[in-house]
């Protein structure tokens, strides 16, 4: 997989700073039912533990498969479709979806998009060598597949195949009715094509490769228009795909049955053009005061000071860094919090948000 971004329903969000961080959010537009299984907020295991990088290879253009396993050879934690793990990388923490087949517990399989990135992808795809150990926490899940959904449509765009493929295999194993659509720029840029082509459910997979005239382009409007009221849609894709899906879900009464993950912000992050000023952050649990200059985010300033802030998107859309505010007034600039949460001013996303007050105290 790759790093993706969530917005959890308010009632389903882990409590800020409880080390139970949301990663890939389930978003059924603005209306989100309570049908998600309990595992959708399954806790990320608190303790960091070492896993060994046992294999790495090119999976597709700019996509690498990375396999992690226990140093002792012991089975890893049981995983579910949509699960992710957190990985310590230089300068922070990154979360990656698990692409394992159902029941596989001897390893964790990641698919990481890597082109010019110098962050977590560079670390895992270039810097680390096979045999090295990395610190891992998890698994956790914020993009869970509901067992109540008996007729499902899976849609993947680009690297968004990473959580979707495990969902497809889970559904196929249980004999649940589903169809899958996979859109990518080309076959060579699509991950897991051989795995899909060799699967027992290959007849349910429809490819939409934009450079192949034999493939129909993914027409979300035609697809959504054709769905009856029994179908639930799970979609993981880039911002443009998500934005179109959300618009169409309103038009065709699918809002309560659309469940999404995404890259980056799908709507304008609030007040991104507001002027920045200097302020201080008090990290209450660390007992540290850190100055945040105008050209630096809270998360970056804290990380430089040696204070751990788990990060994923760094764009204010995934909720992973959500932190409790103990004192001060946040300047919310994220795309995660609801209007009510913004008004309460008791949580903040320090990767993009700032402070309106001269100082702000966070539960870090």
Protein backbone atom coordinates (compact mmCIF):
# COMPACT_ATOMS: atom_id res chain seq x y z
CA UNK A 1 0.00 0.00 0.00
CA UNK A 2 0.91 3.55 0.40
CA UNK A 3 0.10 6.22 2.90
CA UNK A 4 -3.54 7.21 2.73
CA UNK A 5 -5.70 9.63 4.53
CA UNK A 6 -8.85 9.32 6.61
CA UNK A 7 -11.67 11.18 8.26
CA UNK A 8 -13.24 9.13 10.99
CA UNK A 9 -16.83 9.63 12.06
CA UNK A 10 -16.83 11.58 15.31
CA UNK A 11 -18.38 8.73 17.24
CA UNK A 12 -15.71 6.36 15.92
CA UNK A 13 -12.59 8.44 16.42
CA UNK A 14 -9.99 7.23 18.86
CA UNK A 15 -9.51 9.61 21.74
CA UNK A 16 -6.73 12.03 20.97
CA UNK A 17 -3.32 11.10 22.29
CA UNK A 18 -4.38 7.72 23.59
CA UNK A 19 -1.88 6.14 21.17
CA UNK A 20 -4.86 4.85 19.25
CA UNK A 21 -4.42 6.95 16.19
CA UNK A 22 -6.70 7.00 13.21
CA UNK A 23 -5.06 6.38 9.90
CA UNK A 24 -7.12 5.53 6.93
CA UNK A 25 -10.43 7.06 7.54
CA UNK A 26 -13.74 5.76 6.48
CA UNK A 27 -15.72 8.56 4.91
CA UNK A 28 -19.27 8.10 3.72
CA UNK A 29 -19.43 11.77 2.81
CA UNK A 30 -20.99 13.78 5.61
CA UNK A 31 -23.42 11.06 6.64
CA UNK A 32 -21.77 8.11 8.30
CA UNK A 33 -23.72 5.26 9.76
CA UNK A 34 -22.85 3.18 12.77
CA UNK A 35 -22.53 0.02 10.74
CA UNK A 36 -18.74 -0.17 10.98
CA UNK A 37 -17.60 -3.19 12.88
CA UNK A 38 -15.86 -2.73 16.19
CA UNK A 39 -12.53 -3.46 14.55
CA UNK A 40 -12.80 -0.20 12.63
CA UNK A 41 -11.41 1.46 15.72
CA UNK A 42 -9.27 -1.46 16.80
CA UNK A 43 -6.44 -0.10 18.91
CA UNK A 44 -3.02 0.28 17.48
CA UNK A 45 -0.77 -1.82 19.70
CA UNK A 46 0.99 0.65 21.96
CA UNK A 47 4.44 -0.90 22.08
CA UNK A 48 6.98 -0.42 19.35
CA UNK A 49 8.66 -3.67 18.34
CA UNK A 50 11.40 -4.55 15.86
CA UNK A 51 10.58 -6.32 12.61
CA UNK A 52 13.13 -7.39 10.05
CA UNK A 53 12.99 -6.30 6.42
CA UNK A 54 13.19 -9.72 4.76
CA UNK A 55 12.35 -8.89 1.14
CA UNK A 56 11.95 -5.93 -1.19
CA UNK A 57 11.31 -5.84 -4.91
CA UNK A 58 9.79 -3.64 -7.59
CA UNK A 59 6.10 -4.40 -7.86
CA UNK A 60 5.21 -1.89 -10.59
CA UNK A 61 6.44 1.45 -11.89
CA UNK A 62 7.47 3.46 -8.81
CA UNK A 63 5.92 0.88 -6.46
CA UNK A 64 7.96 -1.41 -4.24
CA UNK A 65 6.81 -4.42 -2.25
CA UNK A 66 8.35 -4.47 1.22
CA UNK A 67 8.05 -7.55 3.44
CA UNK A 68 8.57 -7.36 7.19
CA UNK A 69 8.75 -10.34 9.54
CA UNK A 70 9.40 -11.10 13.18
CA UNK A 71 13.05 -11.50 14.14
CA UNK A 72 12.15 -14.56 16.19
CA UNK A 73 10.01 -16.18 13.52
CA UNK A 74 6.95 -16.02 15.75
CA UNK A 75 3.56 -15.35 14.12
CA UNK A 76 2.59 -11.69 13.90
CA UNK A 77 -0.64 -10.16 15.13
CA UNK A 78 -3.78 -11.23 13.32
CA UNK A 79 -4.81 -8.73 10.68
CA UNK A 80 -8.06 -7.78 8.98
CA UNK A 81 -8.90 -6.14 5.63
CA UNK A 82 -7.99 -2.46 5.69
CA UNK A 83 -5.41 -2.81 8.46
CA UNK A 84 -2.31 -0.64 8.61
CA UNK A 85 0.86 -0.50 10.66
CA UNK A 86 2.92 2.47 11.83
CA UNK A 87 6.62 2.52 11.02
CA UNK A 88 9.29 4.70 12.59
CA UNK A 89 11.23 6.57 9.91
CA UNK A 90 13.79 9.36 10.23
CA UNK A 91 11.96 12.45 11.40
CA UNK A 92 8.67 10.84 12.31
CA UNK A 93 6.20 8.00 11.95
CA UNK A 94 4.49 6.78 8.80
CA UNK A 95 1.53 4.45 8.39
CA UNK A 96 1.19 1.89 5.62
CA UNK A 97 -1.64 -0.44 4.65
CA UNK A 98 -1.13 -4.18 4.93
CA UNK A 99 -1.59 -6.07 1.67
CA UNK A 100 -1.45 -9.57 3.13
CA UNK A 101 -3.59 -12.40 1.92
CA UNK A 102 -6.20 -13.56 4.46
CA UNK A 103 -4.71 -15.57 7.30
CA UNK A 104 -1.06 -14.76 6.52
CA UNK A 105 0.68 -14.12 9.85
CA UNK A 106 4.32 -14.89 9.09
CA UNK A 107 4.94 -11.47 7.55
CA UNK A 108 3.52 -8.02 6.83
CA UNK A 109 3.40 -7.00 3.18
CA UNK A 110 3.51 -3.32 2.23
CA UNK A 111 3.29 -1.76 -1.22
CA UNK A 112 4.95 1.65 -1.20
CA UNK A 113 4.78 4.29 -3.90
CA UNK A 114 8.24 5.73 -4.34
CA UNK A 115 9.38 8.19 -6.97
CA UNK A 116 11.14 11.31 -5.71
CA UNK A 117 10.02 11.07 -2.09
CA UNK A 118 12.66 11.64 0.57
CA UNK A 119 10.46 10.57 3.47
CA UNK A 120 9.26 7.19 4.65
CA UNK A 121 9.26 5.76 1.13
CA UNK A 122 12.90 6.73 0.61
CA UNK A 123 13.82 5.18 3.96
CA UNK A 124 12.08 1.85 3.35
CA UNK A 125 12.80 1.56 -0.37
CA UNK A 126 16.34 2.96 -0.56
CA UNK A 127 18.04 3.43 2.80
CA UNK A 128 17.10 0.20 4.56
CA UNK A 129 18.69 -3.00 3.38
CA UNK A 130 17.30 -6.51 3.47
CA UNK A 131 18.16 -7.80 6.93
CA UNK A 132 17.80 -4.44 8.67
CA UNK A 133 15.26 -3.99 11.45
CA UNK A 134 12.61 -1.29 11.65
CA UNK A 135 10.41 -0.28 14.56
CA UNK A 136 6.74 -1.05 13.99
CA UNK A 137 3.52 -0.53 15.90
CA UNK A 138 0.12 -1.99 15.08
CA UNK A 139 -1.89 -3.21 13.33
CA UNK A 140 -4.79 -0.79 13.54
CA UNK A 141 -7.77 -0.17 11.31
CA UNK A 142 -9.86 2.82 10.36
CA UNK A 143 -11.02 1.52 6.98
CA UNK A 144 -12.74 -1.65 8.06
CA UNK A 145 -14.90 -3.89 5.92
CA UNK A 146 -18.29 -4.36 7.56
CA UNK A 147 -19.49 -7.98 7.92
CA UNK A 148 -23.03 -6.63 7.51
CA UNK A 149 -22.40 -5.76 3.86
CA UNK A 150 -23.28 -8.74 1.69
CA UNK A 151 -23.12 -7.04 -1.72
CA UNK A 152 -20.05 -4.89 -2.25
CA UNK A 153 -18.39 -2.83 -4.97
CA UNK A 154 -14.65 -2.25 -4.55
CA UNK A 155 -12.99 0.64 -6.40
CA UNK A 156 -9.24 1.28 -6.42
CA UNK A 157 -7.39 4.15 -8.04
CA UNK A 158 -3.62 3.82 -8.46
CA UNK A 159 -1.86 2.93 -5.22
CA UNK A 160 -5.31 2.78 -3.63
CA UNK A 161 -5.26 -0.91 -4.49
CA UNK A 162 -3.37 -1.56 -1.28
CA UNK A 163 -6.28 -1.87 1.17
CA UNK A 164 -8.71 -2.93 -1.56
CA UNK A 165 -6.91 -6.14 -2.57
CA UNK A 166 -7.12 -7.57 0.94
CA UNK A 167 -10.82 -6.72 0.99
CA UNK A 168 -11.34 -8.54 -2.31
CA UNK A 169 -9.60 -11.67 -1.07
CA UNK A 170 -11.52 -11.58 2.20
CA UNK A 171 -14.86 -11.31 0.39
CA UNK A 172 -13.97 -14.02 -2.12
CA UNK A 173 -12.92 -16.41 0.63
CA UNK A 174 -16.30 -15.98 2.31
CA UNK A 175 -18.34 -16.24 -0.85
CA UNK A 176 -19.68 -12.69 -0.57
CA UNK A 177 -20.98 -11.05 -3.73
CA UNK A 178 -18.64 -8.30 -4.96
CA UNK A 179 -17.29 -6.58 -8.04
CA UNK A 180 -13.98 -4.77 -8.27
CA UNK A 181 -12.83 -1.87 -10.46
CA UNK A 182 -9.14 -0.96 -10.69
CA UNK A 183 -8.12 2.27 -12.42
CA UNK A 184 -4.50 3.15 -13.18
CA UNK A 185 -2.51 5.03 -15.78
CA UNK A 186 -1.23 1.78 -17.29
CA UNK A 187 -0.87 -1.93 -16.57
CA UNK A 188 2.82 -1.44 -15.83
CA UNK A 189 1.97 1.19 -13.21
CA UNK A 190 -0.63 -1.00 -11.50
CA UNK A 191 0.35 -3.05 -8.46
CA UNK A 192 -0.72 -6.66 -7.88
CA UNK A 193 -1.99 -7.28 -11.43
CA UNK A 194 -0.44 -10.77 -11.51
CA UNK A 195 -1.96 -11.55 -8.13
CA UNK A 196 -5.38 -10.43 -9.31
CA UNK A 197 -5.09 -12.26 -12.64
CA UNK A 198 -4.18 -15.46 -10.83
CA UNK A 199 -6.96 -15.22 -8.27
CA UNK A 200 -10.13 -17.29 -8.10
CA UNK A 201 -12.12 -14.05 -8.37
CA UNK A 202 -10.35 -12.68 -11.47
CA UNK A 203 -13.63 -12.63 -13.42
CA UNK A 204 -14.95 -10.06 -10.95
CA UNK A 205 -12.08 -7.63 -11.58
CA UNK A 206 -12.41 -4.95 -14.25
CA UNK A 207 -9.32 -3.00 -15.23
CA UNK A 208 -9.45 0.61 -16.37
CA UNK A 209 -5.98 1.42 -17.74
CA UNK A 210 -5.99 4.85 -19.28
CA UNK A 211 -3.32 4.05 -21.90
CA UNK A 212 -5.07 0.89 -23.11
CA UNK A 213 -7.82 1.42 -25.72
CA UNK A 214 -9.14 -2.05 -24.93
CA UNK A 215 -10.06 -0.91 -21.42
CA UNK A 216 -13.08 1.23 -20.72
CA UNK A 217 -12.34 4.28 -18.64
CA UNK A 218 -13.78 4.17 -15.15
CA UNK A 219 -17.14 5.92 -15.43
CA UNK A 220 -18.16 6.49 -11.83
CA UNK A 221 -21.40 8.16 -12.77
CA UNK A 222 -22.59 5.24 -14.87
CA UNK A 223 -21.47 2.83 -12.17
CA UNK A 224 -23.15 4.65 -9.30
CA UNK A 225 -26.31 5.16 -11.32
CA UNK A 226 -26.53 1.40 -11.91
CA UNK A 227 -26.22 0.36 -8.26
CA UNK A 228 -29.28 -0.75 -6.35
CA UNK A 229 -29.92 -0.03 -2.68
CA UNK A 230 -28.25 -3.26 -1.51
CA UNK A 231 -24.76 -2.31 -2.69
CA UNK A 232 -22.09 -0.74 -0.49
CA UNK A 233 -19.10 0.90 -2.15
CA UNK A 234 -15.55 0.87 -0.75
CA UNK A 235 -13.28 3.27 -2.61
CA UNK A 236 -9.61 4.07 -2.17
CA UNK A 237 -8.15 6.54 -4.62
CA UNK A 238 -6.72 9.99 -5.28
CA UNK A 239 -8.45 13.25 -4.48
CA UNK A 240 -10.09 13.74 -7.86
CA UNK A 241 -11.65 10.29 -7.76
CA UNK A 242 -12.89 10.79 -4.22
CA UNK A 243 -14.32 14.23 -4.93
CA UNK A 244 -16.22 12.88 -7.93
CA UNK A 245 -17.47 9.90 -5.93
CA UNK A 246 -18.74 12.08 -3.10
CA UNK A 247 -20.58 14.38 -5.51
CA UNK A 248 -22.15 11.44 -7.32
CA UNK A 249 -23.06 9.70 -4.07
CA UNK A 250 -25.27 12.65 -3.19
CA UNK A 251 -26.83 12.68 -6.63
CA UNK A 252 -27.65 8.96 -6.59
CA UNK A 253 -28.47 8.56 -2.86
CA UNK A 254 -25.33 6.60 -2.03
CA UNK A 255 -24.00 8.84 0.74
CA UNK A 256 -24.63 6.31 3.51
CA UNK A 257 -23.15 3.49 1.44
CA UNK A 258 -19.92 5.09 0.23
CA UNK A 259 -16.82 4.36 2.30
CA UNK A 260 -13.56 6.00 1.20
CA UNK A 261 -9.88 6.44 1.74
CA UNK A 262 -7.87 9.09 -0.03
CA UNK A 263 -4.52 10.72 -0.70
CA UNK A 264 -4.16 14.32 0.44
CA UNK A 265 -6.90 16.84 1.04
CA UNK A 266 -10.05 16.50 -1.00
CA UNK A 267 -11.29 19.91 0.02
CA UNK A 268 -9.54 23.14 0.73
CA UNK A 269 -7.86 23.07 4.10
CA UNK A 270 -9.25 25.89 6.17
CA UNK A 271 -7.47 29.21 6.32
CA UNK A 272 -4.37 28.05 4.48
CA UNK A 273 -3.78 31.62 3.37
CA UNK A 274 -4.05 33.07 6.88
CA UNK A 275 -0.86 34.80 8.02
CA UNK A 276 1.42 32.81 10.28
CA UNK A 277 2.93 34.14 13.47
CA UNK A 278 5.35 32.82 16.06
CA UNK A 279 3.99 31.13 19.18
CA UNK A 280 5.04 28.67 21.86
CA UNK A 281 3.88 25.11 22.36
CA UNK A 282 4.01 23.54 25.78
CA UNK A 283 4.26 19.74 25.58
CA UNK A 284 2.65 18.89 28.91
CA UNK A 285 3.68 15.26 29.30
CA UNK A 286 7.19 15.94 28.04
CA UNK A 287 7.56 19.03 30.21
CA UNK A 288 8.99 20.96 27.29
CA UNK A 289 8.38 24.38 25.77
CA UNK A 290 9.03 24.62 22.03
CA UNK A 291 8.97 27.76 19.93
CA UNK A 292 7.09 27.45 16.64
CA UNK A 293 8.32 30.01 14.07
CA UNK A 294 6.12 31.34 11.30
CA UNK A 295 7.65 29.08 8.67
CA UNK A 296 7.33 25.85 10.64
CA UNK A 297 4.43 23.60 11.65
CA UNK A 298 3.78 22.57 15.23
CA UNK A 299 4.53 18.95 14.33
CA UNK A 300 7.83 19.82 12.67
CA UNK A 301 8.94 21.99 15.59
CA UNK A 302 8.08 19.28 18.12
CA UNK A 303 9.77 16.57 16.07
CA UNK A 304 12.95 18.64 15.81
CA UNK A 305 12.85 19.00 19.58
CA UNK A 306 12.72 15.23 19.98
CA UNK A 307 9.03 14.97 20.86
CA UNK A 308 7.23 12.14 19.08
CA UNK A 309 4.31 13.21 16.88
CA UNK A 310 2.96 10.31 14.77
CA UNK A 311 2.44 11.59 11.23
CA UNK A 312 1.11 10.25 7.98
CA UNK A 313 -0.32 12.73 5.46
CA UNK A 314 1.18 15.94 6.92
CA UNK A 315 -1.64 17.77 5.12
CA UNK A 316 -4.30 17.87 7.82
CA UNK A 317 -6.47 15.18 6.32
CA UNK A 318 -5.65 11.85 7.95
CA UNK A 319 -6.19 12.57 11.63
CA UNK A 320 -3.19 10.53 12.72
CA UNK A 321 -1.56 13.40 14.61
CA UNK A 322 -4.78 14.48 16.37
CA UNK A 323 -3.75 15.74 19.81
CA UNK A 324 -5.63 16.92 22.87
CA UNK A 325 -5.44 20.67 23.61
CA UNK A 326 -5.06 21.41 27.32
CA UNK A 327 -4.82 25.19 27.14
CA UNK A 328 -4.79 27.91 24.50
CA UNK A 329 -6.80 28.53 21.35
CA UNK A 330 -6.09 26.49 18.21
CA UNK A 331 -6.15 27.96 14.72
CA UNK A 332 -7.74 25.01 12.92
CA UNK A 333 -6.52 24.50 9.35
CA UNK A 334 -7.29 20.83 8.86
CA UNK A 335 -9.83 18.95 6.78
CA UNK A 336 -10.76 16.42 9.47
CA UNK A 337 -12.51 18.09 12.39
CA UNK A 338 -16.21 18.83 12.35
CA UNK A 339 -17.57 22.29 13.05
CA UNK A 340 -18.50 21.17 16.56
CA UNK A 341 -14.99 19.88 17.23
CA UNK A 342 -13.48 23.10 15.97
CA UNK A 343 -15.74 25.11 18.24
CA UNK A 344 -14.82 22.95 21.24
CA UNK A 345 -11.10 23.66 20.68
CA UNK A 346 -10.09 20.58 22.64
CA UNK A 347 -8.19 18.79 19.86
CA UNK A 348 -5.80 19.93 17.15
CA UNK A 349 -4.02 18.50 14.12
CA UNK A 350 -0.50 19.85 14.66
CA UNK A 351 0.72 18.97 11.18
CA UNK A 352 -1.13 21.98 9.71
CA UNK A 353 -3.01 23.87 12.43
CA UNK A 354 -1.49 26.63 14.50
CA UNK A 355 -2.36 28.74 17.55
CA UNK A 356 -4.38 31.92 17.80
CA UNK A 357 -3.11 32.45 21.34
CA UNK A 358 0.47 33.34 22.22
CA UNK A 359 0.98 29.82 23.52
CA UNK A 360 -0.83 26.52 23.38
CA UNK A 361 -0.48 23.49 25.65
CA UNK A 362 -0.78 20.03 24.12
CA UNK A 363 -1.02 16.59 25.68
CA UNK A 364 2.31 15.41 24.34
